[in-house]
Amino acid sequence: MTNTSPPRFTALFLAITCATGIAAGEESRWYKGNTHTHSLWSDGNDFPEMIADFYKREGYHFLVLSDHNILSRGEKWMAVGSVEKRRRTLGHPTMKKYLATFGAKWVELRGKGDAQQVRLKTLGEIRPRFEQAGKFLFIEGEEITNSFRGLPVHTNAMNLGELIKPEKGASLRATMRSCLVAAKEQEKRLGQLILAHLNHPNFGWGITAEDLAHVIEEQFFEVYNGHPSVRQLGDAKHPGIEKMWDLANTIRLAELGAEPLFGIASDDSHQYHGGDVKPGRGWVMVRAPSLSANNIVKAMRSGDFYCSSGVTLEGLERNQEKGTLSFKIRAVGKEKYTTRIIGTRRSRQSDPAGIGEVLATFTGTSVSYSLKDNELYFRAIITSDKAHPLPSFAKQQKQAWIQPLWALPISKPKTPRAGQTP
């Protein structure tokens, strides 16, 4: 399938690509990472170095520790009894596992009996034990945990230099913008690239597809979150997360003249001793010239990444300028794969049934598709016939999501910017 009349692209897009993408000719490789992780620094149930040990052993290349409204800095002590109360399994004490893994010289305790406390190690202390050039990297992060009139508004910010305190706006959308504006201000002030993404929009039914669309400063959101309580599939009154992606991107391109959202998959892991909020469910695969925080952020901003809950690609060529996509799936055993090309045609952009419809279906491990003249955008989702080994919802299959490609030029945004009335 080829596009005989590829879309024309503006100087604006080329400028964005040059500013945020990987320079032509640079050699790149794929890096696996999790952008959403919780520890004992907030509401997780294990020590950050125990969590890092898991992810490194599982073949991850980078990890974002993103505790709620806190960075892993400064002195923090926690009652040993409180640590043990958080685990979900009996007979496997958290402290016993911690001591067995890192030894008594590393674990810092004070007090005795019921008053005994353990000091949580800072990210600065942990880095030297785990980081290896080209193999494993911590990216400092925070889940900026906010709300508006009881509706949760949670934003992950990665590659931070300073804590970002949540600030409520005059509306839900203004509250969403406040985190993004704060991240952008810090990036400019510190000269350190920061990526912010909206978390689990259906958690608490907090964010609608229309909200996602109209807050055009938002460039990323979680299309898959491994927490079982995030209402991934929606319900009779609320669309599922993938449908929200299509609704928001259709509104952006058809009505607002804004670029579409990129999707992220993450664990949102909290529990490492039993329980349902487990690690290893969803991740991003990022193509970058080397393993550094700035390179990871640059690549993700340019769309040079995909997200997965179990499907891996051997090759991926996503050419926004030509509107073409081709990739090869890494086959595992006898697994079979179905790829659906999802998008919205211009002729059906006002028809609810036409938003995010299936444009094409492929079976097998090799897929190629080109943007058609009547398509606003398309994206790809790959589904294995094998069940996810750690499902977060009923009948979950192993999948991968590829970022959208869209027709340009697009007009200037028609929605209010930060600081204006939404």
Protein backbone atom coordinates (compact mmCIF):
# COMPACT_ATOMS: atom_id res chain seq x y z
CA MET A 1 0.00 0.00 0.00
CA THR A 2 1.55 3.29 -1.06
CA ASN A 3 0.53 6.89 -0.97
CA THR A 4 0.82 8.29 -4.49
CA SER A 5 0.45 11.86 -3.27
CA PRO A 6 2.28 12.27 0.03
CA PRO A 7 1.33 15.25 2.19
CA ARG A 8 3.32 18.45 2.01
CA PHE A 9 5.19 19.41 5.15
CA THR A 10 5.87 22.82 6.54
CA ALA A 11 9.03 24.52 7.69
CA LEU A 12 7.50 24.51 11.16
CA PHE A 13 7.53 20.72 11.30
CA LEU A 14 11.08 20.55 9.97
CA ALA A 15 12.19 23.02 12.62
CA ILE A 16 10.54 20.95 15.34
CA THR A 17 12.17 17.80 14.01
CA CYS A 18 15.64 19.39 13.94
CA ALA A 19 15.18 20.80 17.42
CA THR A 20 13.98 17.63 19.13
CA GLY A 21 14.96 14.67 16.97
CA ILE A 22 18.14 12.72 16.42
CA ALA A 23 20.49 14.27 13.91
CA ALA A 24 20.79 12.56 10.54
CA GLY A 25 23.64 10.09 10.30
CA GLU A 26 23.89 9.33 14.01
CA GLU A 27 23.97 5.64 14.88
CA SER A 28 21.23 4.67 17.29
CA ARG A 29 20.03 1.68 19.26
CA TRP A 30 16.94 0.75 21.21
CA TYR A 31 16.66 1.32 24.95
CA LYS A 32 13.95 -0.18 27.15
CA GLY A 33 12.62 1.92 30.02
CA ASN A 34 9.87 2.45 32.54
CA THR A 35 8.74 6.04 33.14
CA HIS A 36 6.40 5.47 36.11
CA THR A 37 7.62 3.76 39.29
CA HIS A 38 6.84 4.14 43.00
CA SER A 39 8.91 3.26 46.06
CA LEU A 40 8.82 3.66 49.83
CA TRP A 41 9.58 7.35 49.26
CA SER A 42 5.82 7.71 48.68
CA ASP A 43 3.25 4.89 48.41
CA GLY A 44 5.32 2.01 47.02
CA ASN A 45 6.23 -0.97 49.20
CA ASP A 46 9.92 -1.54 48.51
CA PHE A 47 13.25 0.25 48.68
CA PRO A 48 14.30 2.09 45.52
CA GLU A 49 17.49 0.04 45.15
CA MET A 50 15.50 -3.22 45.40
CA ILE A 51 13.22 -1.92 42.65
CA ALA A 52 16.17 -0.88 40.51
CA ASP A 53 17.70 -4.33 41.00
CA PHE A 54 14.54 -5.89 39.55
CA TYR A 55 14.40 -3.65 36.48
CA LYS A 56 18.10 -3.99 35.71
CA ARG A 57 17.93 -7.79 35.97
CA GLU A 58 14.90 -7.79 33.66
CA GLY A 59 16.87 -6.06 30.90
CA TYR A 60 15.66 -2.47 31.27
CA HIS A 61 18.11 0.25 30.30
CA PHE A 62 16.56 3.19 32.12
CA LEU A 63 14.24 3.72 35.04
CA VAL A 64 12.33 6.75 36.28
CA LEU A 65 11.59 6.71 40.02
CA SER A 66 8.48 8.90 40.09
CA ASP A 67 7.18 9.14 43.62
CA HIS A 68 4.28 11.44 44.47
CA ASN A 69 5.30 15.08 44.94
CA ILE A 70 8.78 14.18 46.18
CA LEU A 71 12.27 13.55 44.83
CA SER A 72 14.53 10.91 46.38
CA ARG A 73 16.65 13.54 48.12
CA GLY A 74 17.45 14.51 51.67
CA GLU A 75 17.20 12.47 54.86
CA LYS A 76 14.13 10.25 55.21
CA TRP A 77 13.66 7.58 57.88
CA MET A 78 10.79 5.10 58.01
CA ALA A 79 9.58 2.82 60.78
CA VAL A 80 10.51 -0.78 60.02
CA GLY A 81 7.04 -1.83 61.16
CA SER A 82 5.46 0.49 58.59
CA VAL A 83 7.67 -0.97 55.87
CA GLU A 84 6.52 -4.48 56.71
CA LYS A 85 2.84 -3.50 56.85
CA ARG A 86 2.94 -2.45 53.19
CA ARG A 87 3.88 -5.86 51.77
CA ARG A 88 1.16 -8.12 50.39
CA THR A 89 2.81 -11.49 51.07
CA LEU A 90 3.30 -13.34 54.34
CA GLY A 91 6.49 -15.06 55.40
CA HIS A 92 8.80 -12.95 53.22
CA PRO A 93 9.74 -9.89 55.31
CA THR A 94 10.76 -6.87 53.27
CA MET A 95 13.67 -6.04 55.55
CA LYS A 96 15.00 -9.59 55.42
CA LYS A 97 15.10 -9.49 51.62
CA TYR A 98 16.65 -6.02 51.67
CA LEU A 99 19.43 -7.11 54.03
CA ALA A 100 20.06 -10.33 52.10
CA THR A 101 20.44 -8.37 48.85
CA PHE A 102 22.57 -5.42 49.99
CA GLY A 103 24.08 -6.46 53.31
CA ALA A 104 24.24 -4.96 56.77
CA LYS A 105 26.92 -2.43 55.80
CA TRP A 106 24.55 -0.84 53.28
CA VAL A 107 21.31 -0.95 55.28
CA GLU A 108 21.20 1.87 57.84
CA LEU A 109 19.10 1.29 60.97
CA ARG A 110 18.50 3.17 64.20
CA GLY A 111 16.52 2.43 67.35
CA LYS A 112 15.33 -0.94 68.59
CA GLY A 113 12.18 -3.04 68.76
CA ASP A 114 8.99 -1.33 67.68
CA ALA A 115 10.85 2.00 67.44
CA GLN A 116 13.40 0.76 64.92
CA GLN A 117 13.72 2.81 61.76
CA VAL A 118 15.47 2.39 58.41
CA ARG A 119 16.89 5.22 56.32
CA LEU A 120 15.77 5.40 52.70
CA LYS A 121 18.73 5.84 50.39
CA THR A 122 18.73 8.85 48.08
CA LEU A 123 18.96 8.58 44.33
CA GLY A 124 22.44 10.10 44.54
CA GLU A 125 23.56 7.26 46.79
CA ILE A 126 21.99 4.56 44.64
CA ARG A 127 23.23 5.70 41.25
CA PRO A 128 26.83 4.44 41.61
CA ARG A 129 25.67 0.93 42.49
CA PHE A 130 23.55 0.52 39.36
CA GLU A 131 24.42 2.93 36.59
CA GLN A 132 26.65 1.67 33.80
CA ALA A 133 27.47 3.61 30.65
CA GLY A 134 25.27 2.35 27.82
CA LYS A 135 23.64 -0.30 30.01
CA PHE A 136 21.59 1.25 32.81
CA LEU A 137 20.55 4.78 33.72
CA PHE A 138 18.36 6.43 36.32
CA ILE A 139 16.33 9.41 35.12
CA GLU A 140 15.13 11.52 38.03
CA GLY A 141 11.40 12.02 38.06
CA GLU A 142 8.29 12.91 40.00
CA GLU A 143 4.59 12.18 39.77
CA ILE A 144 3.15 15.66 40.17
CA THR A 145 -0.02 14.67 41.98
CA ASN A 146 -2.73 17.28 41.63
CA SER A 147 -6.51 17.53 41.44
CA PHE A 148 -9.32 19.86 40.51
CA ARG A 149 -12.57 19.64 42.48
CA GLY A 150 -11.80 16.07 43.44
CA LEU A 151 -10.80 14.93 39.94
CA PRO A 152 -7.24 13.54 39.81
CA VAL A 153 -4.73 15.29 37.56
CA HIS A 154 -1.44 13.36 37.71
CA THR A 155 1.55 14.25 35.53
CA ASN A 156 4.89 12.49 35.41
CA ALA A 157 7.92 14.69 34.78
CA MET A 158 11.24 13.03 33.95
CA ASN A 159 14.78 14.39 33.93
CA LEU A 160 14.01 16.96 36.59
CA GLY A 161 16.58 19.12 38.32
CA GLU A 162 14.20 20.34 41.00
CA LEU A 163 10.92 19.33 42.58
CA ILE A 164 7.77 20.70 40.95
CA LYS A 165 5.03 21.54 43.42
CA PRO A 166 1.46 21.00 42.18
CA GLU A 167 -0.57 24.15 41.61
CA LYS A 168 -4.30 24.22 41.03
CA GLY A 169 -5.70 26.28 38.19
CA ALA A 170 -9.06 27.96 37.77
CA SER A 171 -10.31 24.95 35.78
CA LEU A 172 -9.41 21.33 35.17
CA ARG A 173 -7.60 22.21 31.95
CA ALA A 174 -5.76 25.07 33.59
CA THR A 175 -4.67 22.64 36.30
CA MET A 176 -3.36 20.27 33.64
CA ARG A 177 -1.47 23.16 32.03
CA SER A 178 0.09 24.29 35.30
CA CYS A 179 2.31 21.19 35.52
CA LEU A 180 3.39 21.51 31.90
CA VAL A 181 4.19 25.19 32.26
CA ALA A 182 6.22 24.50 35.40
CA ALA A 183 8.19 21.77 33.64
CA LYS A 184 8.87 24.01 30.65
CA GLU A 185 9.98 26.88 32.89
CA GLN A 186 12.39 24.59 34.75
CA GLU A 187 13.75 23.21 31.48
CA LYS A 188 14.47 26.70 30.18
CA ARG A 189 15.98 27.89 33.45
CA LEU A 190 18.23 24.87 34.04
CA GLY A 191 19.01 24.02 30.42
CA GLN A 192 17.95 20.42 31.06
CA LEU A 193 15.45 18.71 28.77
CA ILE A 194 12.32 17.57 30.61
CA LEU A 195 9.54 15.33 29.36
CA ALA A 196 6.13 15.52 31.01
CA HIS A 197 3.29 13.10 30.34
CA LEU A 198 -0.26 12.85 31.63
CA ASN A 199 -0.92 9.70 33.63
CA HIS A 200 -3.93 7.34 33.55
CA PRO A 201 -6.66 9.76 32.32
CA ASN A 202 -9.49 7.39 33.31
CA PHE A 203 -8.30 7.07 36.90
CA GLY A 204 -11.15 8.58 38.89
CA TRP A 205 -12.67 9.49 35.51
CA GLY A 206 -10.59 12.62 35.90
CA ILE A 207 -9.65 13.57 32.32
CA THR A 208 -11.80 13.43 29.18
CA ALA A 209 -10.66 13.05 25.59
CA GLU A 210 -11.77 16.64 25.03
CA ASP A 211 -9.52 17.78 27.88
CA LEU A 212 -6.60 15.88 26.36
CA ALA A 213 -7.28 17.51 23.02
CA HIS A 214 -7.63 21.08 24.17
CA VAL A 215 -4.61 21.22 26.45
CA ILE A 216 -2.33 21.38 23.43
CA GLU A 217 0.76 21.90 25.58
CA GLU A 218 0.27 18.23 26.48
CA GLN A 219 2.33 16.15 24.05
CA PHE A 220 2.35 12.75 25.78
CA PHE A 221 -0.05 10.61 27.78
CA GLU A 222 -0.26 7.03 29.02
CA VAL A 223 -2.06 4.91 26.47
CA TYR A 224 -1.34 1.91 28.70
CA ASN A 225 -0.79 1.94 32.46
CA GLY A 226 -0.24 -1.35 34.31
CA HIS A 227 -2.19 -0.36 37.43
CA PRO A 228 -5.42 -2.43 37.61
CA SER A 229 -7.43 0.55 38.88
CA VAL A 230 -6.91 2.94 35.97
CA ARG A 231 -9.99 1.78 34.00
CA GLN A 232 -8.02 1.00 30.86
CA LEU A 233 -11.08 -0.25 28.96
CA GLY A 234 -13.51 2.43 30.11
CA ASP A 235 -17.14 1.53 30.74
CA ALA A 236 -20.60 2.06 29.24
CA LYS A 237 -20.35 5.82 29.81
CA HIS A 238 -16.64 6.40 29.28
CA PRO A 239 -14.40 5.46 26.35
CA GLY A 240 -11.37 3.27 26.86
CA ILE A 241 -7.91 4.84 26.82
CA GLU A 242 -7.15 3.93 23.20
CA LYS A 243 -10.44 5.41 22.03
CA MET A 244 -9.60 8.57 23.97
CA TRP A 245 -6.32 8.74 22.04
CA ASP A 246 -8.20 8.71 18.74
CA LEU A 247 -10.85 11.18 19.88
CA ALA A 248 -8.25 13.62 21.17
CA ASN A 249 -6.03 13.37 18.09
CA THR A 250 -8.96 13.81 15.73
CA ILE A 251 -10.05 16.96 17.57
CA ARG A 252 -6.51 18.31 17.56
CA LEU A 253 -5.96 17.79 13.85
CA ALA A 254 -9.45 18.50 12.53
CA GLU A 255 -10.53 21.36 14.78
CA LEU A 256 -7.59 22.86 16.64
CA GLY A 257 -4.77 22.69 14.13
CA ALA A 258 -2.56 21.10 16.79
CA GLU A 259 -0.15 18.19 16.69
CA PRO A 260 -1.42 14.82 17.94
CA LEU A 261 -0.49 13.16 21.22
CA PHE A 262 2.16 10.46 21.52
CA GLY A 263 1.35 7.43 23.68
CA ILE A 264 3.42 5.96 26.51
CA ALA A 265 3.15 2.57 28.24
CA SER A 266 4.26 2.23 31.86
CA ASP A 267 4.01 0.03 34.93
CA ASP A 268 2.90 2.55 37.55
CA SER A 269 4.36 -0.11 39.82
CA HIS A 270 3.75 0.10 43.57
CA GLN A 271 3.86 -3.47 44.90
CA TYR A 272 6.91 -5.74 44.77
CA HIS A 273 5.92 -8.24 47.46
CA GLY A 274 2.73 -9.72 46.06
CA GLY A 275 -0.30 -7.59 45.31
CA ASP A 276 -1.86 -6.45 42.03
CA VAL A 277 0.17 -3.33 41.16
CA LYS A 278 3.17 -5.21 39.81
CA PRO A 279 6.26 -4.25 37.78
CA GLY A 280 7.02 -5.52 34.28
CA ARG A 281 3.67 -4.89 32.59
CA GLY A 282 4.35 -2.01 30.19
CA TRP A 283 7.36 -0.07 28.94
CA VAL A 284 8.74 2.19 26.21
CA MET A 285 11.36 1.29 23.63
CA VAL A 286 13.31 4.40 22.66
CA ARG A 287 15.78 4.72 19.78
CA ALA A 288 18.63 7.06 20.70
CA PRO A 289 22.31 7.55 19.79
CA SER A 290 23.40 6.83 23.37
CA LEU A 291 21.93 6.19 26.79
CA SER A 292 21.58 9.64 28.34
CA ALA A 293 18.58 11.42 29.79
CA ASN A 294 18.73 14.22 27.20
CA ASN A 295 18.95 11.74 24.33
CA ILE A 296 16.00 9.74 25.64
CA VAL A 297 13.88 12.88 25.94
CA LYS A 298 14.94 14.12 22.47
CA ALA A 299 14.05 10.81 20.85
CA MET A 300 10.67 10.61 22.53
CA ARG A 301 9.81 14.18 21.55
CA SER A 302 10.52 13.29 17.93
CA GLY A 303 8.32 10.18 18.13
CA ASP A 304 11.26 7.81 17.76
CA PHE A 305 9.89 5.29 20.22
CA TYR A 306 7.12 2.77 20.62
CA CYS A 307 5.45 1.33 23.68
CA SER A 308 4.84 -2.27 24.53
CA SER A 309 3.23 -4.70 26.93
CA GLY A 310 5.05 -7.69 25.47
CA VAL A 311 5.59 -7.35 21.71
CA THR A 312 9.06 -6.40 20.43
CA LEU A 313 10.01 -4.97 17.04
CA GLU A 314 13.17 -5.89 15.16
CA GLY A 315 12.96 -2.93 12.83
CA LEU A 316 10.88 0.25 12.72
CA GLU A 317 10.92 2.96 10.07
CA ARG A 318 8.48 5.76 10.82
CA ASN A 319 8.87 8.60 8.31
CA GLN A 320 6.69 11.58 9.15
CA GLU A 321 7.89 13.55 6.14
CA LYS A 322 6.77 10.85 3.68
CA GLY A 323 3.85 9.61 5.78
CA THR A 324 5.13 6.03 5.72
CA LEU A 325 5.49 3.31 8.32
CA SER A 326 7.13 -0.08 8.08
CA PHE A 327 8.26 -2.51 10.76
CA LYS A 328 9.07 -6.12 11.48
CA ILE A 329 7.88 -7.93 14.59
CA ARG A 330 10.29 -10.15 16.50
CA ALA A 331 8.50 -13.51 16.48
CA VAL A 332 8.44 -15.47 19.73
CA GLY A 333 7.84 -19.21 19.45
CA LYS A 334 4.55 -19.95 17.74
CA GLU A 335 2.92 -16.64 18.58
CA LYS A 336 0.79 -15.07 15.88
CA TYR A 337 0.42 -11.33 15.43
CA THR A 338 -2.31 -9.08 14.10
CA THR A 339 -1.60 -5.44 13.29
CA ARG A 340 -4.44 -2.96 12.98
CA ILE A 341 -3.92 0.43 11.37
CA ILE A 342 -6.20 2.81 13.27
CA GLY A 343 -7.05 6.31 12.13
CA THR A 344 -9.63 8.87 11.08
CA ARG A 345 -10.56 9.78 7.52
CA ARG A 346 -11.31 13.40 6.70
CA SER A 347 -14.67 12.40 5.28
CA ARG A 348 -15.67 10.81 8.59
CA GLN A 349 -14.07 13.12 11.14
CA SER A 350 -17.51 14.31 12.31
CA ASP A 351 -18.94 10.79 12.50
CA PRO A 352 -18.38 9.17 15.92
CA ALA A 353 -18.16 5.77 14.25
CA GLY A 354 -15.46 7.05 11.92
CA ILE A 355 -13.13 8.34 14.63
CA GLY A 356 -10.38 5.82 15.24
CA GLU A 357 -11.67 3.23 12.80
CA VAL A 358 -9.70 0.29 11.46
CA LEU A 359 -8.15 1.42 8.19
CA ALA A 360 -6.29 -1.81 7.44
CA THR A 361 -5.43 -5.15 9.05
CA PHE A 362 -2.24 -7.20 8.62
CA THR A 363 -1.26 -10.63 9.84
CA GLY A 364 2.30 -11.88 10.12
CA THR A 365 5.50 -10.14 11.19
CA SER A 366 6.08 -7.58 8.40
CA VAL A 367 3.90 -4.49 7.99
CA SER A 368 4.01 -1.43 5.71
CA TYR A 369 1.47 1.37 5.41
CA SER A 370 1.32 4.88 3.92
CA LEU A 371 -0.82 7.84 4.84
CA LYS A 372 -3.65 8.28 2.32
CA ASP A 373 -4.86 11.62 0.98
CA ASN A 374 -8.16 11.34 2.84
CA GLU A 375 -6.64 10.40 6.22
CA LEU A 376 -6.01 12.88 9.03
CA TYR A 377 -3.65 10.45 10.75
CA PHE A 378 -3.02 6.80 11.43
CA ARG A 379 -1.32 4.74 14.13
CA ALA A 380 -0.57 1.04 14.50
CA ILE A 381 -1.35 -1.43 17.25
CA ILE A 382 0.07 -4.96 17.25
CA THR A 383 -1.64 -7.72 19.21
CA SER A 384 -0.24 -11.17 19.95
CA ASP A 385 -2.49 -14.19 20.26
CA LYS A 386 -0.81 -14.93 23.60
CA ALA A 387 -2.13 -13.64 26.91
CA HIS A 388 -0.14 -11.11 28.89
CA PRO A 389 1.79 -12.98 31.62
CA LEU A 390 0.91 -10.30 34.22
CA PRO A 391 -2.50 -9.01 33.10
CA SER A 392 -3.86 -5.80 34.57
CA PHE A 393 -7.34 -6.34 33.10
CA ALA A 394 -9.41 -9.32 31.95
CA LYS A 395 -8.31 -11.12 28.78
CA GLN A 396 -5.33 -8.82 28.23
CA GLN A 397 -3.07 -9.79 25.33
CA LYS A 398 0.55 -8.84 24.67
CA GLN A 399 0.60 -5.69 22.51
CA ALA A 400 2.69 -2.85 21.10
CA TRP A 401 1.64 0.66 20.08
CA ILE A 402 3.34 2.76 17.39
CA GLN A 403 3.07 6.54 17.39
CA PRO A 404 0.73 8.29 14.95
CA LEU A 405 1.69 9.82 11.62
CA TRP A 406 -0.41 12.71 10.39
CA ALA A 407 -1.00 15.00 7.44
CA LEU A 408 0.65 18.39 7.39
CA PRO A 409 0.60 21.35 7.07
CA ILE A 410 -1.48 22.07 10.11
CA SER A 411 -2.76 25.51 11.03
CA LYS A 412 -1.80 27.44 14.13
CA PRO A 413 -3.55 26.33 17.35
CA LYS A 414 -6.93 27.88 18.02
CA THR A 415 -7.06 26.95 21.70
CA PRO A 416 -5.91 29.23 24.55
CA ARG A 417 -2.31 28.95 25.67
CA ALA A 418 -1.14 28.79 29.28
CA GLY A 419 -2.18 31.83 31.25
CA GLN A 420 -5.24 32.46 29.10
CA THR A 421 -8.82 31.62 29.96
CA PRO A 422 -9.60 28.06 28.76
